[in-house]
PDB file of N, CA and C in Angstrom:
ATOM      1  N   MET A   1     103.304 124.813  98.778  1.00  0.00           N
ATOM      2  CA  MET A   1     103.862 123.554  98.344  1.00  0.00           C
ATOM      3  C   MET A   1     103.571 123.390  96.863  1.00  0.00           C
ATOM      4  N   GLN A   2     104.592 123.095  96.057  1.00  0.00           N
ATOM      5  CA  GLN A   2     104.395 122.955  94.632  1.00  0.00           C
ATOM      6  C   GLN A   2     104.968 121.631  94.159  1.00  0.00           C
ATOM      7  N   GLY A   3     104.830 121.364  92.866  1.00  0.00           N
ATOM      8  CA  GLY A   3     105.375 120.145  92.293  1.00  0.00           C
ATOM      9  C   GLY A   3     104.273 119.164  91.953  1.00  0.00           C
ATOM     10  N   LYS A   4     104.697 117.952  91.622  1.00  0.00           N
ATOM     11  CA  LYS A   4     103.761 116.902  91.234  1.00  0.00           C
ATOM     12  C   LYS A   4     102.834 116.553  92.383  1.00  0.00           C
ATOM     13  N   PHE A   5     101.541 116.316  92.038  1.00  0.00           N
ATOM     14  CA  PHE A   5     100.529 116.038  93.054  1.00  0.00           C
ATOM     15  C   PHE A   5      99.472 115.117  92.468  1.00  0.00           C
ATOM     16  N   LEU A   6      99.110 114.075  93.202  1.00  0.00           N
ATOM     17  CA  LEU A   6      98.009 113.200  92.830  1.00  0.00           C
ATOM     18  C   LEU A   6      97.026 113.217  93.990  1.00  0.00           C
ATOM     19  N   PRO A   7      95.824 113.783  93.806  1.00  0.00           N
ATOM     20  CA  PRO A   7      94.852 113.858  94.896  1.00  0.00           C
ATOM     21  C   PRO A   7      94.417 112.472  95.365  1.00  0.00           C
ATOM     22  N   GLY A   8      94.023 112.402  96.624  1.00  0.00           N
ATOM     23  CA  GLY A   8      93.451 111.190  97.190  1.00  0.00           C
ATOM     24  C   GLY A   8      94.475 110.273  97.824  1.00  0.00           C
ATOM     25  N   ARG A   9      93.941 109.231  98.457  1.00  0.00           N
ATOM     26  CA  ARG A   9      94.781 108.238  99.134  1.00  0.00           C
ATOM     27  C   ARG A   9      94.957 107.046  98.196  1.00  0.00           C
ATOM     28  N   HIS A  10      96.209 106.638  98.022  1.00  0.00           N
ATOM     29  CA  HIS A  10      96.524 105.526  97.128  1.00  0.00           C
ATOM     30  C   HIS A  10      97.488 104.574  97.816  1.00  0.00           C
ATOM     31  N   LEU A  11      97.243 103.288  97.681  1.00  0.00           N
ATOM     32  CA  LEU A  11      98.195 102.304  98.173  1.00  0.00           C
ATOM     33  C   LEU A  11      99.357 102.242  97.194  1.00  0.00           C
ATOM     34  N   ILE A  12     100.525 101.972  97.706  1.00  0.00           N
ATOM     35  CA  ILE A  12     101.717 101.870  96.869  1.00  0.00           C
ATOM     36  C   ILE A  12     101.884 100.404  96.496  1.00  0.00           C
ATOM     37  N   THR A  13     101.861 100.131  95.206  1.00  0.00           N
ATOM     38  CA  THR A  13     101.870  98.749  94.743  1.00  0.00           C
ATOM     39  C   THR A  13     103.257  98.238  94.385  1.00  0.00           C
ATOM     40  N   LYS A  14     104.211  99.143  94.206  1.00  0.00           N
ATOM     41  CA  LYS A  14     105.565  98.736  93.845  1.00  0.00           C
ATOM     42  C   LYS A  14     106.512  99.872  94.211  1.00  0.00           C
ATOM     43  N   PHE A  15     107.755  99.518  94.537  1.00  0.00           N
ATOM     44  CA  PHE A  15     108.756 100.552  94.797  1.00  0.00           C
ATOM     45  C   PHE A  15     110.133 100.012  94.429  1.00  0.00           C
ATOM     46  N   GLY A  16     111.081 100.901  94.339  1.00  0.00           N
ATOM     47  CA  GLY A  16     112.452 100.556  93.987  1.00  0.00           C
ATOM     48  C   GLY A  16     112.864 101.330  92.752  1.00  0.00           C
ATOM     49  N   ASP A  17     114.089 101.129  92.318  1.00  0.00           N
ATOM     50  CA  ASP A  17     114.631 101.843  91.160  1.00  0.00           C
ATOM     51  C   ASP A  17     114.450 103.352  91.303  1.00  0.00           C
ATOM     52  N   GLY A  18     114.487 103.828  92.548  1.00  0.00           N
ATOM     53  CA  GLY A  18     114.419 105.263  92.788  1.00  0.00           C
ATOM     54  C   GLY A  18     113.031 105.862  92.774  1.00  0.00           C
ATOM     55  N   GLY A  19     111.987 105.019  92.877  1.00  0.00           N
ATOM     56  CA  GLY A  19     110.642 105.576  92.851  1.00  0.00           C
ATOM     57  C   GLY A  19     109.576 104.643  93.369  1.00  0.00           C
ATOM     58  N   PHE A  20     108.321 104.974  93.054  1.00  0.00           N
ATOM     59  CA  PHE A  20     107.145 104.282  93.583  1.00  0.00           C
ATOM     60  C   PHE A  20     106.097 104.147  92.483  1.00  0.00           C
ATOM     61  N   TYR A  21     105.217 103.166  92.627  1.00  0.00           N
ATOM     62  CA  TYR A  21     104.103 102.982  91.704  1.00  0.00           C
ATOM     63  C   TYR A  21     102.816 103.007  92.521  1.00  0.00           C
ATOM     64  N   PHE A  22     101.899 103.884  92.155  1.00  0.00           N
ATOM     65  CA  PHE A  22     100.621 104.021  92.873  1.00  0.00           C
ATOM     66  C   PHE A  22      99.638 104.747  91.958  1.00  0.00           C
ATOM     67  N   GLY A  23      98.365 104.534  92.191  1.00  0.00           N
ATOM     68  CA  GLY A  23      97.340 105.257  91.444  1.00  0.00           C
ATOM     69  C   GLY A  23      97.441 105.073  89.939  1.00  0.00           C
ATOM     70  N   GLY A  24      97.945 103.916  89.493  1.00  0.00           N
ATOM     71  CA  GLY A  24      98.065 103.665  88.069  1.00  0.00           C
ATOM     72  C   GLY A  24      99.197 104.415  87.387  1.00  0.00           C
ATOM     73  N   MET A  25     100.114 104.954  88.172  1.00  0.00           N
ATOM     74  CA  MET A  25     101.228 105.713  87.592  1.00  0.00           C
ATOM     75  C   MET A  25     102.516 105.409  88.342  1.00  0.00           C
ATOM     76  N   SER A  26     103.622 105.787  87.749  1.00  0.00           N
ATOM     77  CA  SER A  26     104.897 105.660  88.442  1.00  0.00           C
ATOM     78  C   SER A  26     105.418 107.053  88.770  1.00  0.00           C
ATOM     79  N   HIS A  27     106.186 107.117  89.832  1.00  0.00           N
ATOM     80  CA  HIS A  27     106.760 108.392  90.275  1.00  0.00           C
ATOM     81  C   HIS A  27     108.220 108.148  90.620  1.00  0.00           C
ATOM     82  N   LEU A  28     109.107 108.890  90.032  1.00  0.00           N
ATOM     83  CA  LEU A  28     110.526 108.800  90.323  1.00  0.00           C
ATOM     84  C   LEU A  28     110.864 109.817  91.398  1.00  0.00           C
ATOM     85  N   GLY A  29     111.448 109.375  92.492  1.00  0.00           N
ATOM     86  CA  GLY A  29     111.833 110.264  93.576  1.00  0.00           C
ATOM     87  C   GLY A  29     111.062 109.982  94.847  1.00  0.00           C
ATOM     88  N   SER A  30     111.356 110.750  95.871  1.00  0.00           N
ATOM     89  CA  SER A  30     110.751 110.587  97.194  1.00  0.00           C
ATOM     90  C   SER A  30     109.342 111.167  97.230  1.00  0.00           C
ATOM     91  N   LEU A  31     108.589 110.790  98.275  1.00  0.00           N
ATOM     92  CA  LEU A  31     107.174 111.178  98.380  1.00  0.00           C
ATOM     93  C   LEU A  31     106.838 111.773  99.735  1.00  0.00           C
ATOM     94  N   LEU A  32     105.896 112.685  99.716  1.00  0.00           N
ATOM     95  CA  LEU A  32     105.190 113.141 100.909  1.00  0.00           C
ATOM     96  C   LEU A  32     103.744 112.735 100.709  1.00  0.00           C
ATOM     97  N   ILE A  33     103.239 111.902 101.599  1.00  0.00           N
ATOM     98  CA  ILE A  33     101.865 111.431 101.498  1.00  0.00           C
ATOM     99  C   ILE A  33     101.044 112.098 102.594  1.00  0.00           C
ATOM    100  N   LEU A  34     100.042 112.856 102.180  1.00  0.00           N
ATOM    101  CA  LEU A  34      99.148 113.564 103.088  1.00  0.00           C
ATOM    102  C   LEU A  34      97.721 113.080 102.854  1.00  0.00           C
ATOM    103  N   PRO A  35      96.797 113.388 103.746  1.00  0.00           N
ATOM    104  CA  PRO A  35      95.408 113.014 103.497  1.00  0.00           C
ATOM    105  C   PRO A  35      94.870 113.548 102.171  1.00  0.00           C
ATOM    106  N   SER A  36      95.355 114.702 101.748  1.00  0.00           N
ATOM    107  CA  SER A  36      94.874 115.305 100.497  1.00  0.00           C
ATOM    108  C   SER A  36      95.446 114.637  99.257  1.00  0.00           C
ATOM    109  N   GLY A  37      96.569 113.932  99.390  1.00  0.00           N
ATOM    110  CA  GLY A  37      97.149 113.270  98.232  1.00  0.00           C
ATOM    111  C   GLY A  37      98.637 113.023  98.340  1.00  0.00           C
ATOM    112  N   MET A  38      99.176 112.553  97.228  1.00  0.00           N
ATOM    113  CA  MET A  38     100.586 112.179  97.118  1.00  0.00           C
ATOM    114  C   MET A  38     101.336 113.324  96.451  1.00  0.00           C
ATOM    115  N   ARG A  39     102.456 113.717  97.050  1.00  0.00           N
ATOM    116  CA  ARG A  39     103.233 114.844  96.524  1.00  0.00           C
ATOM    117  C   ARG A  39     104.685 114.444  96.320  1.00  0.00           C
ATOM    118  N   ALA A  40     105.269 114.951  95.248  1.00  0.00           N
ATOM    119  CA  ALA A  40     106.704 114.775  95.026  1.00  0.00           C
ATOM    120  C   ALA A  40     107.448 115.488  96.153  1.00  0.00           C
ATOM    121  N   LEU A  41     108.502 114.857  96.633  1.00  0.00           N
ATOM    122  CA  LEU A  41     109.328 115.436  97.692  1.00  0.00           C
ATOM    123  C   LEU A  41     110.743 115.524  97.153  1.00  0.00           C
ATOM    124  N   GLY A  42     111.230 116.724  96.967  1.00  0.00           N
ATOM    125  CA  GLY A  42     112.535 116.945  96.352  1.00  0.00           C
ATOM    126  C   GLY A  42     113.692 116.691  97.292  1.00  0.00           C
ATOM    127  N   ALA A  43     113.793 115.486  97.816  1.00  0.00           N
ATOM    128  CA  ALA A  43     114.888 115.123  98.708  1.00  0.00           C
ATOM    129  C   ALA A  43     115.338 113.701  98.377  1.00  0.00           C
ATOM    130  N   GLU A  44     116.628 113.513  98.246  1.00  0.00           N
ATOM    131  CA  GLU A  44     117.159 112.174  97.985  1.00  0.00           C
ATOM    132  C   GLU A  44     117.529 111.459  99.266  1.00  0.00           C
ATOM    133  N   VAL A  45     117.780 112.211 100.329  1.00  0.00           N
ATOM    134  CA  VAL A  45     118.077 111.655 101.651  1.00  0.00           C
ATOM    135  C   VAL A  45     117.282 112.461 102.680  1.00  0.00           C
ATOM    136  N   LEU A  46     117.036 111.857 103.818  1.00  0.00           N
ATOM    137  CA  LEU A  46     116.188 112.495 104.827  1.00  0.00           C
ATOM    138  C   LEU A  46     116.774 113.815 105.324  1.00  0.00           C
ATOM    139  N   SER A  47     118.083 113.916 105.378  1.00  0.00           N
ATOM    140  CA  SER A  47     118.702 115.158 105.867  1.00  0.00           C
ATOM    141  C   SER A  47     118.422 116.346 104.948  1.00  0.00           C
ATOM    142  N   GLU A  48     117.972 116.097 103.720  1.00  0.00           N
ATOM    143  CA  GLU A  48     117.623 117.186 102.804  1.00  0.00           C
ATOM    144  C   GLU A  48     116.206 117.703 103.007  1.00  0.00           C
ATOM    145  N   VAL A  49     115.403 117.012 103.791  1.00  0.00           N
ATOM    146  CA  VAL A  49     114.012 117.429 104.006  1.00  0.00           C
ATOM    147  C   VAL A  49     113.987 118.664 104.896  1.00  0.00           C
ATOM    148  N   GLN A  50     113.403 119.719 104.351  1.00  0.00           N
ATOM    149  CA  GLN A  50     113.286 120.990 105.066  1.00  0.00           C
ATOM    150  C   GLN A  50     111.821 121.238 105.428  1.00  0.00           C
ATOM    151  N   PRO A  51     111.549 121.959 106.514  1.00  0.00           N
ATOM    152  CA  PRO A  51     110.158 122.243 106.884  1.00  0.00           C
ATOM    153  C   PRO A  51     109.322 122.819 105.744  1.00  0.00           C
ATOM    154  N   SER A  52     109.907 123.664 104.914  1.00  0.00           N
ATOM    155  CA  SER A  52     109.130 124.251 103.811  1.00  0.00           C
ATOM    156  C   SER A  52     108.653 123.186 102.825  1.00  0.00           C
ATOM    157  N   MET A  53     109.364 122.061 102.747  1.00  0.00           N
ATOM    158  CA  MET A  53     109.000 120.985 101.828  1.00  0.00           C
ATOM    159  C   MET A  53     107.839 120.146 102.359  1.00  0.00           C
ATOM    160  N   ILE A  54     107.628 120.193 103.659  1.00  0.00           N
ATOM    161  CA  ILE A  54     106.610 119.346 104.288  1.00  0.00           C
ATOM    162  C   ILE A  54     105.599 120.159 105.085  1.00  0.00           C
ATOM    163  N   SER A  55     105.469 121.430 104.732  1.00  0.00           N
ATOM    164  CA  SER A  55     104.555 122.315 105.467  1.00  0.00           C
ATOM    165  C   SER A  55     103.110 121.821 105.425  1.00  0.00           C
ATOM    166  N   GLY A  56     102.775 121.022 104.424  1.00  0.00           N
ATOM    167  CA  GLY A  56     101.429 120.452 104.342  1.00  0.00           C
ATOM    168  C   GLY A  56     101.082 119.600 105.548  1.00  0.00           C
ATOM    169  N   LEU A  57     102.097 119.060 106.226  1.00  0.00           N
ATOM    170  CA  LEU A  57     101.832 118.297 107.447  1.00  0.00           C
ATOM    171  C   LEU A  57     101.145 119.168 108.497  1.00  0.00           C
ATOM    172  N   VAL A  58     101.599 120.399 108.609  1.00  0.00           N
ATOM    173  CA  VAL A  58     100.989 121.322 109.569  1.00  0.00           C
ATOM    174  C   VAL A  58      99.593 121.721 109.098  1.00  0.00           C
ATOM    175  N   ASP A  59      99.476 121.999 107.804  1.00  0.00           N
ATOM    176  CA  ASP A  59      98.187 122.400 107.245  1.00  0.00           C
ATOM    177  C   ASP A  59      97.123 121.319 107.435  1.00  0.00           C
ATOM    178  N   GLU A  60      97.536 120.041 107.403  1.00  0.00           N
ATOM    179  CA  GLU A  60      96.581 118.939 107.469  1.00  0.00           C
ATOM    180  C   GLU A  60      96.681 118.127 108.759  1.00  0.00           C
ATOM    181  N   LYS A  61      97.367 118.653 109.768  1.00  0.00           N
ATOM    182  CA  LYS A  61      97.632 117.844 110.957  1.00  0.00           C
ATOM    183  C   LYS A  61      96.369 117.428 111.719  1.00  0.00           C
ATOM    184  N   THR A  62      95.277 118.139 111.573  1.00  0.00           N
ATOM    185  CA  THR A  62      94.049 117.705 112.242  1.00  0.00           C
ATOM    186  C   THR A  62      93.464 116.450 111.585  1.00  0.00           C
ATOM    187  N   GLU A  63      93.975 116.092 110.412  1.00  0.00           N
ATOM    188  CA  GLU A  63      93.530 114.893 109.691  1.00  0.00           C
ATOM    189  C   GLU A  63      94.533 113.750 109.805  1.00  0.00           C
ATOM    190  N   ILE A  64      95.596 113.952 110.615  1.00  0.00           N
ATOM    191  CA  ILE A  64      96.688 112.981 110.724  1.00  0.00           C
ATOM    192  C   ILE A  64      96.852 112.570 112.180  1.00  0.00           C
ATOM    193  N   ASP A  65      96.857 111.256 112.428  1.00  0.00           N
ATOM    194  CA  ASP A  65      97.140 110.759 113.770  1.00  0.00           C
ATOM    195  C   ASP A  65      98.627 110.499 113.976  1.00  0.00           C
ATOM    196  N   PHE A  66      99.317 110.082 112.916  1.00  0.00           N
ATOM    197  CA  PHE A  66     100.751 109.864 113.025  1.00  0.00           C
ATOM    198  C   PHE A  66     101.396 109.900 111.649  1.00  0.00           C
ATOM    199  N   LEU A  67     102.700 110.114 111.669  1.00  0.00           N
ATOM    200  CA  LEU A  67     103.513 110.225 110.467  1.00  0.00           C
ATOM    201  C   LEU A  67     104.517 109.083 110.453  1.00  0.00           C
ATOM    202  N   LEU A  68     104.611 108.401 109.324  1.00  0.00           N
ATOM    203  CA  LEU A  68     105.656 107.402 109.119  1.00  0.00           C
ATOM    204  C   LEU A  68     106.774 108.050 108.329  1.00  0.00           C
ATOM    205  N   ILE A  69     108.002 107.817 108.753  1.00  0.00           N
ATOM    206  CA  ILE A  69     109.151 108.351 108.029  1.00  0.00           C
ATOM    207  C   ILE A  69     109.998 107.182 107.554  1.00  0.00           C
ATOM    208  N   GLY A  70     110.073 107.026 106.237  1.00  0.00           N
ATOM    209  CA  GLY A  70     110.930 106.014 105.628  1.00  0.00           C
ATOM    210  C   GLY A  70     112.256 106.638 105.261  1.00  0.00           C
ATOM    211  N   THR A  71     113.328 106.161 105.882  1.00  0.00           N
ATOM    212  CA  THR A  71     114.631 106.813 105.791  1.00  0.00           C
ATOM    213  C   THR A  71     115.495 106.372 104.618  1.00  0.00           C
ATOM    214  N   GLY A  72     115.003 105.472 103.789  1.00  0.00           N
ATOM    215  CA  GLY A  72     115.796 104.931 102.686  1.00  0.00           C
ATOM    216  C   GLY A  72     116.035 103.452 102.914  1.00  0.00           C
ATOM    217  N   LYS A  73     117.153 102.935 102.404  1.00  0.00           N
ATOM    218  CA  LYS A  73     117.450 101.499 102.527  1.00  0.00           C
ATOM    219  C   LYS A  73     117.684 101.074 103.969  1.00  0.00           C
ATOM    220  N   ALA A  74     118.291 101.930 104.747  1.00  0.00           N
ATOM    221  CA  ALA A  74     118.640 101.586 106.130  1.00  0.00           C
ATOM    222  C   ALA A  74     117.941 102.534 107.095  1.00  0.00           C
ATOM    223  N   ILE A  75     117.585 101.998 108.241  1.00  0.00           N
ATOM    224  CA  ILE A  75     116.960 102.845 109.261  1.00  0.00           C
ATOM    225  C   ILE A  75     118.013 103.798 109.823  1.00  0.00           C
ATOM    226  N   ALA A  76     117.582 105.002 110.066  1.00  0.00           N
ATOM    227  CA  ALA A  76     118.443 106.028 110.651  1.00  0.00           C
ATOM    228  C   ALA A  76     117.538 106.953 111.458  1.00  0.00           C
ATOM    229  N   PRO A  77     118.064 107.573 112.490  1.00  0.00           N
ATOM    230  CA  PRO A  77     117.221 108.502 113.242  1.00  0.00           C
ATOM    231  C   PRO A  77     116.848 109.715 112.402  1.00  0.00           C
ATOM    232  N   ALA A  78     115.733 110.312 112.727  1.00  0.00           N
ATOM    233  CA  ALA A  78     115.356 111.561 112.066  1.00  0.00           C
ATOM    234  C   ALA A  78     116.382 112.624 112.447  1.00  0.00           C
ATOM    235  N   PRO A  79     116.838 113.416 111.491  1.00  0.00           N
ATOM    236  CA  PRO A  79     117.762 114.504 111.838  1.00  0.00           C
ATOM    237  C   PRO A  79     117.129 115.408 112.898  1.00  0.00           C
ATOM    238  N   LYS A  80     117.939 115.862 113.828  1.00  0.00           N
ATOM    239  CA  LYS A  80     117.427 116.652 114.946  1.00  0.00           C
ATOM    240  C   LYS A  80     116.584 117.847 114.506  1.00  0.00           C
ATOM    241  N   PRO A  81     117.013 118.636 113.511  1.00  0.00           N
ATOM    242  CA  PRO A  81     116.160 119.765 113.114  1.00  0.00           C
ATOM    243  C   PRO A  81     114.768 119.325 112.642  1.00  0.00           C
ATOM    244  N   LEU A  82     114.699 118.222 111.907  1.00  0.00           N
ATOM    245  CA  LEU A  82     113.411 117.710 111.445  1.00  0.00           C
ATOM    246  C   LEU A  82     112.584 117.209 112.619  1.00  0.00           C
ATOM    247  N   ALA A  83     113.194 116.418 113.486  1.00  0.00           N
ATOM    248  CA  ALA A  83     112.478 115.889 114.654  1.00  0.00           C
ATOM    249  C   ALA A  83     111.977 117.027 115.540  1.00  0.00           C
ATOM    250  N   ASP A  84     112.808 118.025 115.768  1.00  0.00           N
ATOM    251  CA  ASP A  84     112.398 119.170 116.590  1.00  0.00           C
ATOM    252  C   ASP A  84     111.237 119.918 115.951  1.00  0.00           C
ATOM    253  N   TRP A  85     111.281 120.102 114.624  1.00  0.00           N
ATOM    254  CA  TRP A  85     110.204 120.799 113.928  1.00  0.00           C
ATOM    255  C   TRP A  85     108.894 120.025 114.059  1.00  0.00           C
ATOM    256  N   LEU A  86     108.935 118.710 113.838  1.00  0.00           N
ATOM    257  CA  LEU A  86     107.729 117.885 113.963  1.00  0.00           C
ATOM    258  C   LEU A  86     107.175 117.955 115.382  1.00  0.00           C
ATOM    259  N   LYS A  87     108.051 117.839 116.367  1.00  0.00           N
ATOM    260  CA  LYS A  87     107.615 117.909 117.770  1.00  0.00           C
ATOM    261  C   LYS A  87     107.025 119.275 118.098  1.00  0.00           C
ATOM    262  N   SER A  88     107.602 120.336 117.546  1.00  0.00           N
ATOM    263  CA  SER A  88     107.091 121.683 117.839  1.00  0.00           C
ATOM    264  C   SER A  88     105.680 121.886 117.290  1.00  0.00           C
ATOM    265  N   HIS A  89     105.304 121.066 116.311  1.00  0.00           N
ATOM    266  CA  HIS A  89     103.960 121.127 115.730  1.00  0.00           C
ATOM    267  C   HIS A  89     103.070 119.981 116.213  1.00  0.00           C
ATOM    268  N   ALA A  90     103.537 119.295 117.258  1.00  0.00           N
ATOM    269  CA  ALA A  90     102.778 118.190 117.863  1.00  0.00           C
ATOM    270  C   ALA A  90     102.393 117.122 116.834  1.00  0.00           C
ATOM    271  N   ILE A  91     103.354 116.779 115.964  1.00  0.00           N
ATOM    272  CA  ILE A  91     103.143 115.725 114.973  1.00  0.00           C
ATOM    273  C   ILE A  91     103.911 114.500 115.436  1.00  0.00           C
ATOM    274  N   SER A  92     103.176 113.439 115.788  1.00  0.00           N
ATOM    275  CA  SER A  92     103.794 112.186 116.226  1.00  0.00           C
ATOM    276  C   SER A  92     104.358 111.456 115.020  1.00  0.00           C
ATOM    277  N   PHE A  93     105.526 110.836 115.191  1.00  0.00           N
ATOM    278  CA  PHE A  93     106.134 110.149 114.059  1.00  0.00           C
ATOM    279  C   PHE A  93     106.878 108.890 114.500  1.00  0.00           C
ATOM    280  N   ASP A  94     106.990 107.961 113.547  1.00  0.00           N
ATOM    281  CA  ASP A  94     107.783 106.740 113.704  1.00  0.00           C
ATOM    282  C   ASP A  94     108.764 106.689 112.546  1.00  0.00           C
ATOM    283  N   VAL A  95     109.998 106.320 112.847  1.00  0.00           N
ATOM    284  CA  VAL A  95     111.049 106.259 111.844  1.00  0.00           C
ATOM    285  C   VAL A  95     111.420 104.800 111.594  1.00  0.00           C
ATOM    286  N   MET A  96     111.522 104.435 110.327  1.00  0.00           N
ATOM    287  CA  MET A  96     111.934 103.090 109.920  1.00  0.00           C
ATOM    288  C   MET A  96     112.512 103.165 108.514  1.00  0.00           C
ATOM    289  N   ASP A  97     113.091 102.076 108.028  1.00  0.00           N
ATOM    290  CA  ASP A  97     113.579 102.118 106.657  1.00  0.00           C
ATOM    291  C   ASP A  97     112.376 102.229 105.715  1.00  0.00           C
ATOM    292  N   THR A  98     112.617 102.678 104.497  1.00  0.00           N
ATOM    293  CA  THR A  98     111.514 102.911 103.565  1.00  0.00           C
ATOM    294  C   THR A  98     110.693 101.657 103.274  1.00  0.00           C
ATOM    295  N   PRO A  99     111.298 100.481 103.032  1.00  0.00           N
ATOM    296  CA  PRO A  99     110.458  99.301 102.788  1.00  0.00           C
ATOM    297  C   PRO A  99     109.488  99.008 103.938  1.00  0.00           C
ATOM    298  N   ALA A 100     109.958  99.127 105.178  1.00  0.00           N
ATOM    299  CA  ALA A 100     109.080  98.894 106.328  1.00  0.00           C
ATOM    300  C   ALA A 100     108.024  99.987 106.448  1.00  0.00           C
ATOM    301  N   ALA A 101     108.406 101.239 106.217  1.00  0.00           N
ATOM    302  CA  ALA A 101     107.446 102.342 106.294  1.00  0.00           C
ATOM    303  C   ALA A 101     106.374 102.202 105.221  1.00  0.00           C
ATOM    304  N   LEU A 102     106.775 101.777 104.039  1.00  0.00           N
ATOM    305  CA  LEU A 102     105.826 101.594 102.947  1.00  0.00           C
ATOM    306  C   LEU A 102     104.827 100.479 103.265  1.00  0.00           C
ATOM    307  N   ARG A 103     105.323  99.355 103.752  1.00  0.00           N
ATOM    308  CA  ARG A 103     104.420  98.252 104.123  1.00  0.00           C
ATOM    309  C   ARG A 103     103.461  98.702 105.226  1.00  0.00           C
ATOM    310  N   THR A 104     103.985  99.401 106.220  1.00  0.00           N
ATOM    311  CA  THR A 104     103.145  99.881 107.323  1.00  0.00           C
ATOM    312  C   THR A 104     102.112 100.871 106.809  1.00  0.00           C
ATOM    313  N   TYR A 105     102.543 101.794 105.951  1.00  0.00           N
ATOM    314  CA  TYR A 105     101.608 102.756 105.368  1.00  0.00           C
ATOM    315  C   TYR A 105     100.469 102.039 104.655  1.00  0.00           C
ATOM    316  N   ASN A 106     100.791 101.075 103.811  1.00  0.00           N
ATOM    317  CA  ASN A 106      99.751 100.362 103.061  1.00  0.00           C
ATOM    318  C   ASN A 106      98.751  99.676 103.982  1.00  0.00           C
ATOM    319  N   VAL A 107      99.241  99.055 105.045  1.00  0.00           N
ATOM    320  CA  VAL A 107      98.342  98.353 105.972  1.00  0.00           C
ATOM    321  C   VAL A 107      97.430  99.343 106.686  1.00  0.00           C
ATOM    322  N   VAL A 108      98.004 100.384 107.273  1.00  0.00           N
ATOM    323  CA  VAL A 108      97.173 101.303 108.060  1.00  0.00           C
ATOM    324  C   VAL A 108      96.280 102.175 107.175  1.00  0.00           C
ATOM    325  N   ALA A 109      96.748 102.527 105.988  1.00  0.00           N
ATOM    326  CA  ALA A 109      95.899 103.292 105.064  1.00  0.00           C
ATOM    327  C   ALA A 109      94.737 102.427 104.588  1.00  0.00           C
ATOM    328  N   ASP A 110      95.007 101.158 104.316  1.00  0.00           N
ATOM    329  CA  ASP A 110      93.950 100.249 103.885  1.00  0.00           C
ATOM    330  C   ASP A 110      92.908 100.050 104.991  1.00  0.00           C
ATOM    331  N   GLU A 111      93.328 100.182 106.242  1.00  0.00           N
ATOM    332  CA  GLU A 111      92.403 100.099 107.380  1.00  0.00           C
ATOM    333  C   GLU A 111      91.620 101.396 107.565  1.00  0.00           C
ATOM    334  N   GLY A 112      91.951 102.408 106.779  1.00  0.00           N
ATOM    335  CA  GLY A 112      91.266 103.691 106.891  1.00  0.00           C
ATOM    336  C   GLY A 112      91.789 104.573 108.006  1.00  0.00           C
ATOM    337  N   ARG A 113      92.970 104.260 108.525  1.00  0.00           N
ATOM    338  CA  ARG A 113      93.540 105.070 109.608  1.00  0.00           C
ATOM    339  C   ARG A 113      94.153 106.355 109.049  1.00  0.00           C
ATOM    340  N   ARG A 114      94.288 107.333 109.915  1.00  0.00           N
ATOM    341  CA  ARG A 114      94.708 108.682 109.532  1.00  0.00           C
ATOM    342  C   ARG A 114      96.234 108.798 109.595  1.00  0.00           C
ATOM    343  N   VAL A 115      96.879 108.397 108.517  1.00  0.00           N
ATOM    344  CA  VAL A 115      98.337 108.332 108.466  1.00  0.00           C
ATOM    345  C   VAL A 115      98.877 109.221 107.348  1.00  0.00           C
ATOM    346  N   ALA A 116     100.050 109.749 107.593  1.00  0.00           N
ATOM    347  CA  ALA A 116     100.812 110.479 106.571  1.00  0.00           C
ATOM    348  C   ALA A 116     102.193 109.825 106.508  1.00  0.00           C
ATOM    349  N   ALA A 117     102.937 110.119 105.457  1.00  0.00           N
ATOM    350  CA  ALA A 117     104.258 109.500 105.333  1.00  0.00           C
ATOM    351  C   ALA A 117     105.228 110.383 104.558  1.00  0.00           C
ATOM    352  N   ILE A 118     106.460 110.296 104.967  1.00  0.00           N
ATOM    353  CA  ILE A 118     107.597 110.806 104.191  1.00  0.00           C
ATOM    354  C   ILE A 118     108.358 109.555 103.791  1.00  0.00           C
ATOM    355  N   LEU A 119     108.480 109.319 102.500  1.00  0.00           N
ATOM    356  CA  LEU A 119     109.164 108.122 102.013  1.00  0.00           C
ATOM    357  C   LEU A 119     110.330 108.524 101.112  1.00  0.00           C
ATOM    358  N   ILE A 120     111.541 108.249 101.574  1.00  0.00           N
ATOM    359  CA  ILE A 120     112.725 108.501 100.772  1.00  0.00           C
ATOM    360  C   ILE A 120     112.871 107.342  99.800  1.00  0.00           C
ATOM    361  N   ALA A 121     112.997 107.650  98.520  1.00  0.00           N
ATOM    362  CA  ALA A 121     113.076 106.629  97.477  1.00  0.00           C
ATOM    363  C   ALA A 121     114.340 105.771  97.650  1.00  0.00           C
ATOM    364  N   VAL A 122     114.216 104.510  97.259  1.00  0.00           N
ATOM    365  CA  VAL A 122     115.355 103.582  97.304  1.00  0.00           C
ATOM    366  C   VAL A 122     115.582 102.983  95.917  1.00  0.00           C
ATOM    367  N   ASP A 123     116.805 102.582  95.668  1.00  0.00           N
ATOM    368  CA  ASP A 123     117.130 101.932  94.383  1.00  0.00           C
ATOM    369  C   ASP A 123     116.742 100.465  94.399  1.00  0.00           C
TER     370      ASP A 123
END
């Protein structure tokens, strides 16, 4: 896995305009949030997410109880190939629109729960 990376767990303090604000910085684009840190995710829509882009979920799955998937402005089901891949690796997930996934992530991360997230950026 390559690209932008910020180690550690950070609450997201702002989002919109195609990105997120966390850890004292702004990030344009979608995110993969793992226990090890925040990573740029090169996908503008959920259907572009490929297993190779989120392989860190498997690498860190013993540190994750569940995955939140933010689908963008509107809720949509996880694409079957993505859902099948997550299930094949025994990764539990919940799908919701990005604003709801972000709020949920902040609450459960602040509680110290073991959560990961895929957040598709919204305008």
